[in-house]
PDB file of N, CA and C in Angstrom:
ATOM      1  N   UNK A   1     123.104  40.629  75.617  1.00  0.00           N
ATOM      2  CA  UNK A   1     123.789  41.828  76.021  1.00  0.00           C
ATOM      3  C   UNK A   1     124.401  41.682  77.413  1.00  0.00           C
ATOM      4  N   UNK A   2     123.651  41.049  78.337  1.00  0.00           N
ATOM      5  CA  UNK A   2     124.180  40.877  79.692  1.00  0.00           C
ATOM      6  C   UNK A   2     125.456  40.052  79.683  1.00  0.00           C
ATOM      7  N   UNK A   3     125.458  38.990  78.870  1.00  0.00           N
ATOM      8  CA  UNK A   3     126.644  38.129  78.801  1.00  0.00           C
ATOM      9  C   UNK A   3     127.848  38.922  78.299  1.00  0.00           C
ATOM     10  N   UNK A   4     127.617  39.827  77.353  1.00  0.00           N
ATOM     11  CA  UNK A   4     128.708  40.649  76.832  1.00  0.00           C
ATOM     12  C   UNK A   4     129.276  41.570  77.909  1.00  0.00           C
ATOM     13  N   UNK A   5     128.407  42.120  78.733  1.00  0.00           N
ATOM     14  CA  UNK A   5     128.867  43.006  79.803  1.00  0.00           C
ATOM     15  C   UNK A   5     129.714  42.238  80.808  1.00  0.00           C
ATOM     16  N   UNK A   6     129.266  41.034  81.175  1.00  0.00           N
ATOM     17  CA  UNK A   6     130.029  40.240  82.133  1.00  0.00           C
ATOM     18  C   UNK A   6     131.357  39.797  81.539  1.00  0.00           C
ATOM     19  N   UNK A   7     131.380  39.532  80.239  1.00  0.00           N
ATOM     20  CA  UNK A   7     132.635  39.188  79.571  1.00  0.00           C
ATOM     21  C   UNK A   7     133.591  40.371  79.606  1.00  0.00           C
ATOM     22  N   UNK A   8     133.061  41.570  79.401  1.00  0.00           N
ATOM     23  CA  UNK A   8     133.903  42.766  79.470  1.00  0.00           C
ATOM     24  C   UNK A   8     134.451  42.984  80.876  1.00  0.00           C
ATOM     25  N   UNK A   9     133.625  42.778  81.888  1.00  0.00           N
ATOM     26  CA  UNK A   9     134.087  42.922  83.275  1.00  0.00           C
ATOM     27  C   UNK A   9     135.200  41.911  83.561  1.00  0.00           C
ATOM     28  N   UNK A  10     134.988  40.669  83.146  1.00  0.00           N
ATOM     29  CA  UNK A  10     136.012  39.643  83.348  1.00  0.00           C
ATOM     30  C   UNK A  10     137.295  39.973  82.605  1.00  0.00           C
ATOM     31  N   UNK A  11     137.172  40.486  81.387  1.00  0.00           N
ATOM     32  CA  UNK A  11     138.355  40.882  80.621  1.00  0.00           C
ATOM     33  C   UNK A  11     139.091  42.033  81.270  1.00  0.00           C
ATOM     34  N   UNK A  12     138.340  43.002  81.792  1.00  0.00           N
ATOM     35  CA  UNK A  12     138.978  44.125  82.474  1.00  0.00           C
ATOM     36  C   UNK A  12     139.735  43.659  83.715  1.00  0.00           C
ATOM     37  N   UNK A  13     139.103  42.797  84.505  1.00  0.00           N
ATOM     38  CA  UNK A  13     139.772  42.303  85.709  1.00  0.00           C
ATOM     39  C   UNK A  13     140.993  41.467  85.361  1.00  0.00           C
ATOM     40  N   UNK A  14     140.901  40.690  84.283  1.00  0.00           N
ATOM     41  CA  UNK A  14     142.065  39.901  83.838  1.00  0.00           C
ATOM     42  C   UNK A  14     143.194  40.821  83.397  1.00  0.00           C
ATOM     43  N   UNK A  15     142.852  41.891  82.685  1.00  0.00           N
ATOM     44  CA  UNK A  15     143.874  42.857  82.263  1.00  0.00           C
ATOM     45  C   UNK A  15     144.504  43.540  83.471  1.00  0.00           C
ATOM     46  N   UNK A  16     143.676  43.841  84.488  1.00  0.00           N
ATOM     47  CA  UNK A  16     144.206  44.440  85.701  1.00  0.00           C
ATOM     48  C   UNK A  16     145.160  43.480  86.402  1.00  0.00           C
ATOM     49  N   UNK A  17     144.798  42.189  86.411  1.00  0.00           N
ATOM     50  CA  UNK A  17     145.672  41.175  87.008  1.00  0.00           C
ATOM     51  C   UNK A  17     147.021  41.145  86.298  1.00  0.00           C
ATOM     52  N   UNK A  18     147.014  41.169  84.971  1.00  0.00           N
ATOM     53  CA  UNK A  18     148.263  41.171  84.210  1.00  0.00           C
ATOM     54  C   UNK A  18     149.061  42.453  84.445  1.00  0.00           C
ATOM     55  N   UNK A  19     148.377  43.589  84.501  1.00  0.00           N
ATOM     56  CA  UNK A  19     149.056  44.858  84.753  1.00  0.00           C
ATOM     57  C   UNK A  19     149.726  44.858  86.124  1.00  0.00           C
ATOM     58  N   UNK A  20     148.979  44.449  87.129  1.00  0.00           N
ATOM     59  CA  UNK A  20     149.553  44.416  88.479  1.00  0.00           C
ATOM     60  C   UNK A  20     150.733  43.451  88.554  1.00  0.00           C
ATOM     61  N   UNK A  21     150.613  42.327  87.842  1.00  0.00           N
ATOM     62  CA  UNK A  21     151.727  41.386  87.805  1.00  0.00           C
ATOM     63  C   UNK A  21     152.945  41.967  87.125  1.00  0.00           C
ATOM     64  N   UNK A  22     152.755  42.805  86.120  1.00  0.00           N
ATOM     65  CA  UNK A  22     153.891  43.391  85.403  1.00  0.00           C
ATOM     66  C   UNK A  22     154.626  44.436  86.229  1.00  0.00           C
ATOM     67  N   UNK A  23     153.961  45.033  87.204  1.00  0.00           N
ATOM     68  CA  UNK A  23     154.646  45.993  88.075  1.00  0.00           C
ATOM     69  C   UNK A  23     154.959  45.379  89.445  1.00  0.00           C
ATOM     70  N   UNK A  24     154.937  44.059  89.492  1.00  0.00           N
ATOM     71  CA  UNK A  24     155.302  43.290  90.699  1.00  0.00           C
ATOM     72  C   UNK A  24     154.406  43.564  91.898  1.00  0.00           C
ATOM     73  N   UNK A  25     153.140  43.821  91.641  1.00  0.00           N
ATOM     74  CA  UNK A  25     152.155  43.925  92.711  1.00  0.00           C
ATOM     75  C   UNK A  25     151.310  42.664  92.622  1.00  0.00           C
ATOM     76  N   UNK A  26     151.248  41.952  93.715  1.00  0.00           N
ATOM     77  CA  UNK A  26     150.460  40.724  93.672  1.00  0.00           C
ATOM     78  C   UNK A  26     149.663  40.575  94.955  1.00  0.00           C
ATOM     79  N   UNK A  27     148.502  39.995  94.788  1.00  0.00           N
ATOM     80  CA  UNK A  27     147.640  39.659  95.909  1.00  0.00           C
ATOM     81  C   UNK A  27     147.367  38.170  95.794  1.00  0.00           C
ATOM     82  N   UNK A  28     147.456  37.461  96.894  1.00  0.00           N
ATOM     83  CA  UNK A  28     147.256  36.011  96.860  1.00  0.00           C
ATOM     84  C   UNK A  28     145.835  35.648  96.439  1.00  0.00           C
ATOM     85  N   UNK A  29     144.883  36.483  96.764  1.00  0.00           N
ATOM     86  CA  UNK A  29     143.485  36.173  96.489  1.00  0.00           C
ATOM     87  C   UNK A  29     143.041  36.623  95.102  1.00  0.00           C
ATOM     88  N   UNK A  30     143.832  37.453  94.424  1.00  0.00           N
ATOM     89  CA  UNK A  30     143.444  37.994  93.118  1.00  0.00           C
ATOM     90  C   UNK A  30     144.066  37.137  92.018  1.00  0.00           C
ATOM     91  N   UNK A  31     143.331  36.105  91.643  1.00  0.00           N
ATOM     92  CA  UNK A  31     143.810  35.173  90.618  1.00  0.00           C
ATOM     93  C   UNK A  31     142.760  35.058  89.517  1.00  0.00           C
ATOM     94  N   UNK A  32     143.107  34.350  88.463  1.00  0.00           N
ATOM     95  CA  UNK A  32     142.141  34.152  87.381  1.00  0.00           C
ATOM     96  C   UNK A  32     140.915  33.384  87.880  1.00  0.00           C
ATOM     97  N   UNK A  33     141.124  32.471  88.803  1.00  0.00           N
ATOM     98  CA  UNK A  33     140.003  31.719  89.376  1.00  0.00           C
ATOM     99  C   UNK A  33     139.074  32.635  90.170  1.00  0.00           C
ATOM    100  N   UNK A  34     139.651  33.553  90.947  1.00  0.00           N
ATOM    101  CA  UNK A  34     138.806  34.471  91.720  1.00  0.00           C
ATOM    102  C   UNK A  34     138.076  35.446  90.793  1.00  0.00           C
ATOM    103  N   UNK A  35     138.712  35.823  89.693  1.00  0.00           N
ATOM    104  CA  UNK A  35     138.051  36.696  88.722  1.00  0.00           C
ATOM    105  C   UNK A  35     136.868  35.981  88.089  1.00  0.00           C
ATOM    106  N   UNK A  36     137.064  34.733  87.679  1.00  0.00           N
ATOM    107  CA  UNK A  36     135.969  33.958  87.089  1.00  0.00           C
ATOM    108  C   UNK A  36     134.814  33.788  88.077  1.00  0.00           C
ATOM    109  N   UNK A  37     135.157  33.513  89.342  1.00  0.00           N
ATOM    110  CA  UNK A  37     134.128  33.348  90.359  1.00  0.00           C
ATOM    111  C   UNK A  37     133.375  34.660  90.586  1.00  0.00           C
ATOM    112  N   UNK A  38     134.092  35.784  90.567  1.00  0.00           N
ATOM    113  CA  UNK A  38     133.449  37.081  90.752  1.00  0.00           C
ATOM    114  C   UNK A  38     132.495  37.397  89.606  1.00  0.00           C
ATOM    115  N   UNK A  39     132.897  37.086  88.387  1.00  0.00           N
ATOM    116  CA  UNK A  39     132.037  37.346  87.231  1.00  0.00           C
ATOM    117  C   UNK A  39     130.764  36.502  87.320  1.00  0.00           C
ATOM    118  N   UNK A  40     130.883  35.255  87.748  1.00  0.00           N
ATOM    119  CA  UNK A  40     129.704  34.398  87.925  1.00  0.00           C
ATOM    120  C   UNK A  40     128.802  34.970  89.025  1.00  0.00           C
ATOM    121  N   UNK A  41     129.408  35.393  90.122  1.00  0.00           N
ATOM    122  CA  UNK A  41     128.645  36.000  91.215  1.00  0.00           C
ATOM    123  C   UNK A  41     127.944  37.276  90.751  1.00  0.00           C
ATOM    124  N   UNK A  42     128.621  38.098  89.978  1.00  0.00           N
ATOM    125  CA  UNK A  42     128.035  39.324  89.462  1.00  0.00           C
ATOM    126  C   UNK A  42     126.846  39.023  88.547  1.00  0.00           C
ATOM    127  N   UNK A  43     126.982  38.028  87.696  1.00  0.00           N
ATOM    128  CA  UNK A  43     125.880  37.645  86.803  1.00  0.00           C
ATOM    129  C   UNK A  43     124.678  37.156  87.608  1.00  0.00           C
ATOM    130  N   UNK A  44     124.931  36.362  88.633  1.00  0.00           N
ATOM    131  CA  UNK A  44     123.840  35.859  89.467  1.00  0.00           C
ATOM    132  C   UNK A  44     123.173  36.998  90.242  1.00  0.00           C
ATOM    133  N   UNK A  45     123.961  37.946  90.720  1.00  0.00           N
ATOM    134  CA  UNK A  45     123.406  39.074  91.467  1.00  0.00           C
ATOM    135  C   UNK A  45     122.527  39.944  90.572  1.00  0.00           C
ATOM    136  N   UNK A  46     122.977  40.190  89.361  1.00  0.00           N
ATOM    137  CA  UNK A  46     122.179  40.993  88.429  1.00  0.00           C
ATOM    138  C   UNK A  46     120.873  40.278  88.093  1.00  0.00           C
ATOM    139  N   UNK A  47     120.946  38.969  87.849  1.00  0.00           N
ATOM    140  CA  UNK A  47     119.732  38.201  87.562  1.00  0.00           C
ATOM    141  C   UNK A  47     118.771  38.241  88.750  1.00  0.00           C
ATOM    142  N   UNK A  48     119.296  38.134  89.957  1.00  0.00           N
ATOM    143  CA  UNK A  48     118.463  38.196  91.160  1.00  0.00           C
ATOM    144  C   UNK A  48     117.771  39.553  91.278  1.00  0.00           C
ATOM    145  N   UNK A  49     118.512  40.622  91.087  1.00  0.00           N
ATOM    146  CA  UNK A  49     117.941  41.961  91.197  1.00  0.00           C
ATOM    147  C   UNK A  49     116.860  42.175  90.146  1.00  0.00           C
ATOM    148  N   UNK A  50     117.124  41.771  88.921  1.00  0.00           N
ATOM    149  CA  UNK A  50     116.128  41.934  87.859  1.00  0.00           C
ATOM    150  C   UNK A  50     114.863  41.133  88.147  1.00  0.00           C
ATOM    151  N   UNK A  51     115.023  39.917  88.633  1.00  0.00           N
ATOM    152  CA  UNK A  51     113.850  39.098  88.953  1.00  0.00           C
ATOM    153  C   UNK A  51     113.081  39.646  90.144  1.00  0.00           C
ATOM    154  N   UNK A  52     113.781  40.119  91.163  1.00  0.00           N
ATOM    155  CA  UNK A  52     113.098  40.719  92.308  1.00  0.00           C
ATOM    156  C   UNK A  52     112.332  41.960  91.887  1.00  0.00           C
ATOM    157  N   UNK A  53     112.906  42.777  91.013  1.00  0.00           N
ATOM    158  CA  UNK A  53     112.212  43.961  90.512  1.00  0.00           C
ATOM    159  C   UNK A  53     110.963  43.562  89.725  1.00  0.00           C
ATOM    160  N   UNK A  54     111.086  42.563  88.878  1.00  0.00           N
ATOM    161  CA  UNK A  54     109.939  42.128  88.079  1.00  0.00           C
ATOM    162  C   UNK A  54     108.819  41.605  88.969  1.00  0.00           C
ATOM    163  N   UNK A  55     109.169  40.838  89.990  1.00  0.00           N
ATOM    164  CA  UNK A  55     108.163  40.318  90.922  1.00  0.00           C
ATOM    165  C   UNK A  55     107.503  41.472  91.676  1.00  0.00           C
ATOM    166  N   UNK A  56     108.315  42.403  92.170  1.00  0.00           N
ATOM    167  CA  UNK A  56     107.769  43.548  92.909  1.00  0.00           C
ATOM    168  C   UNK A  56     106.839  44.363  92.020  1.00  0.00           C
ATOM    169  N   UNK A  57     107.289  44.633  90.808  1.00  0.00           N
ATOM    170  CA  UNK A  57     106.494  45.457  89.894  1.00  0.00           C
ATOM    171  C   UNK A  57     105.188  44.762  89.534  1.00  0.00           C
ATOM    172  N   UNK A  58     105.251  43.472  89.244  1.00  0.00           N
ATOM    173  CA  UNK A  58     104.047  42.758  88.840  1.00  0.00           C
ATOM    174  C   UNK A  58     103.093  42.521  90.011  1.00  0.00           C
ATOM    175  N   UNK A  59     103.629  42.510  91.222  1.00  0.00           N
ATOM    176  CA  UNK A  59     102.789  42.239  92.390  1.00  0.00           C
ATOM    177  C   UNK A  59     102.189  43.511  92.977  1.00  0.00           C
ATOM    178  N   UNK A  60     102.969  44.548  93.086  1.00  0.00           N
ATOM    179  CA  UNK A  60     102.528  45.720  93.840  1.00  0.00           C
ATOM    180  C   UNK A  60     102.257  46.966  92.995  1.00  0.00           C
ATOM    181  N   UNK A  61     102.852  47.088  91.836  1.00  0.00           N
ATOM    182  CA  UNK A  61     102.756  48.323  91.073  1.00  0.00           C
ATOM    183  C   UNK A  61     101.766  48.224  89.921  1.00  0.00           C
ATOM    184  N   UNK A  62     101.788  47.122  89.227  1.00  0.00           N
ATOM    185  CA  UNK A  62     100.967  46.953  88.030  1.00  0.00           C
ATOM    186  C   UNK A  62      99.478  47.009  88.368  1.00  0.00           C
ATOM    187  N   UNK A  63      98.758  47.841  87.647  1.00  0.00           N
ATOM    188  CA  UNK A  63      97.316  47.939  87.870  1.00  0.00           C
ATOM    189  C   UNK A  63      96.620  46.642  87.484  1.00  0.00           C
ATOM    190  N   UNK A  64      97.126  45.989  86.441  1.00  0.00           N
ATOM    191  CA  UNK A  64      96.548  44.702  86.052  1.00  0.00           C
ATOM    192  C   UNK A  64      96.702  43.676  87.172  1.00  0.00           C
ATOM    193  N   UNK A  65      97.871  43.691  87.823  1.00  0.00           N
ATOM    194  CA  UNK A  65      98.099  42.744  88.913  1.00  0.00           C
ATOM    195  C   UNK A  65      97.178  43.049  90.089  1.00  0.00           C
ATOM    196  N   UNK A  66      96.967  44.316  90.373  1.00  0.00           N
ATOM    197  CA  UNK A  66      96.075  44.682  91.470  1.00  0.00           C
ATOM    198  C   UNK A  66      94.635  44.289  91.167  1.00  0.00           C
ATOM    199  N   UNK A  67      94.203  44.507  89.933  1.00  0.00           N
ATOM    200  CA  UNK A  67      92.853  44.094  89.542  1.00  0.00           C
ATOM    201  C   UNK A  67      92.698  42.580  89.607  1.00  0.00           C
ATOM    202  N   UNK A  68      93.716  41.875  89.156  1.00  0.00           N
ATOM    203  CA  UNK A  68      93.672  40.415  89.185  1.00  0.00           C
ATOM    204  C   UNK A  68      93.612  39.915  90.630  1.00  0.00           C
ATOM    205  N   UNK A  69      94.381  40.545  91.507  1.00  0.00           N
ATOM    206  CA  UNK A  69      94.368  40.146  92.914  1.00  0.00           C
ATOM    207  C   UNK A  69      92.989  40.365  93.533  1.00  0.00           C
ATOM    208  N   UNK A  70      92.378  41.504  93.229  1.00  0.00           N
ATOM    209  CA  UNK A  70      91.040  41.779  93.761  1.00  0.00           C
ATOM    210  C   UNK A  70      90.015  40.785  93.228  1.00  0.00           C
ATOM    211  N   UNK A  71      90.132  40.437  91.946  1.00  0.00           N
ATOM    212  CA  UNK A  71      89.206  39.468  91.352  1.00  0.00           C
ATOM    213  C   UNK A  71      89.377  38.098  91.987  1.00  0.00           C
ATOM    214  N   UNK A  72      90.605  37.694  92.234  1.00  0.00           N
ATOM    215  CA  UNK A  72      90.849  36.397  92.868  1.00  0.00           C
ATOM    216  C   UNK A  72      90.370  36.383  94.309  1.00  0.00           C
ATOM    217  N   UNK A  73      90.531  37.507  95.006  1.00  0.00           N
ATOM    218  CA  UNK A  73      90.034  37.590  96.375  1.00  0.00           C
ATOM    219  C   UNK A  73      88.506  37.525  96.392  1.00  0.00           C
ATOM    220  N   UNK A  74      87.872  38.179  95.431  1.00  0.00           N
ATOM    221  CA  UNK A  74      86.403  38.160  95.357  1.00  0.00           C
ATOM    222  C   UNK A  74      85.881  36.750  95.097  1.00  0.00           C
ATOM    223  N   UNK A  75      86.640  35.965  94.367  1.00  0.00           N
ATOM    224  CA  UNK A  75      86.241  34.586  94.069  1.00  0.00           C
ATOM    225  C   UNK A  75      86.653  33.632  95.184  1.00  0.00           C
ATOM    226  N   UNK A  76      87.395  34.150  96.168  1.00  0.00           N
ATOM    227  CA  UNK A  76      87.817  33.306  97.284  1.00  0.00           C
ATOM    228  C   UNK A  76      88.986  32.392  96.953  1.00  0.00           C
ATOM    229  N   UNK A  77      89.703  32.710  95.899  1.00  0.00           N
ATOM    230  CA  UNK A  77      90.818  31.852  95.481  1.00  0.00           C
ATOM    231  C   UNK A  77      92.104  32.184  96.223  1.00  0.00           C
ATOM    232  N   UNK A  78      92.214  33.411  96.743  1.00  0.00           N
ATOM    233  CA  UNK A  78      93.359  33.767  97.573  1.00  0.00           C
ATOM    234  C   UNK A  78      92.855  34.527  98.789  1.00  0.00           C
ATOM    235  N   UNK A  79      93.663  34.512  99.847  1.00  0.00           N
ATOM    236  CA  UNK A  79      93.286  35.200 101.074  1.00  0.00           C
ATOM    237  C   UNK A  79      93.645  36.661 100.982  1.00  0.00           C
ATOM    238  N   UNK A  80      92.932  37.448 101.784  1.00  0.00           N
ATOM    239  CA  UNK A  80      93.195  38.888 101.823  1.00  0.00           C
ATOM    240  C   UNK A  80      94.440  39.198 102.588  1.00  0.00           C
TER     241      UNK A  80
END
């Protein structure tokens, strides 16, 4: 599903590039290469945010994670 969303974003930006070109509006930095790079950057940013959320949730919010941390501290396997 994520790949489909990024494909749609890239398609929209490509369509915008063609539209702007048809009305003689051009930006030197707005090219198909910059659109592709932006879509890759967007995909990486979304993956980063999702992974950071998962780490935060599993470390600080999850009761299982808190119990596991306390058990490991009691066994001396991790520091307080």
